[in-house]
Amino acid sequence: MRAADISTVAKTTGTYACVIAPDAGEHPIRRTRPANIGEQFSFLRKWINRDVRGLVTECMAAKPRYQLICQRDILKSPVSVITNVRLDH
């Protein structure tokens, strides 16, 4: 998306959870409690503004009902891709 000159914010989770800003700077996420889909709210409030046109983030929801909530109520994305559909996810 950056190659297409689309201002983009990305969020990774896992071993090195971080936010990747539109300028490609990495900002580590320091959690004070276990990861859950609710942290998407504060992430969106802090990093999304009128200049950001693209967002790449993990849903973070392991259960289908939480995936629906994350998409419908939090991210509201026009395009969603779910990968790693395995028993451990």
Foldseek 3Di string as FASTA:
>chain_A
DVVVVAQEWEFDDDPFTWIQGSVRDTGTDDDPDDDDQVVLQVVCVVHDDPRHDYYHYDLRDLDPVSSCCSCVPRVVDPDDDDDPNDPVD
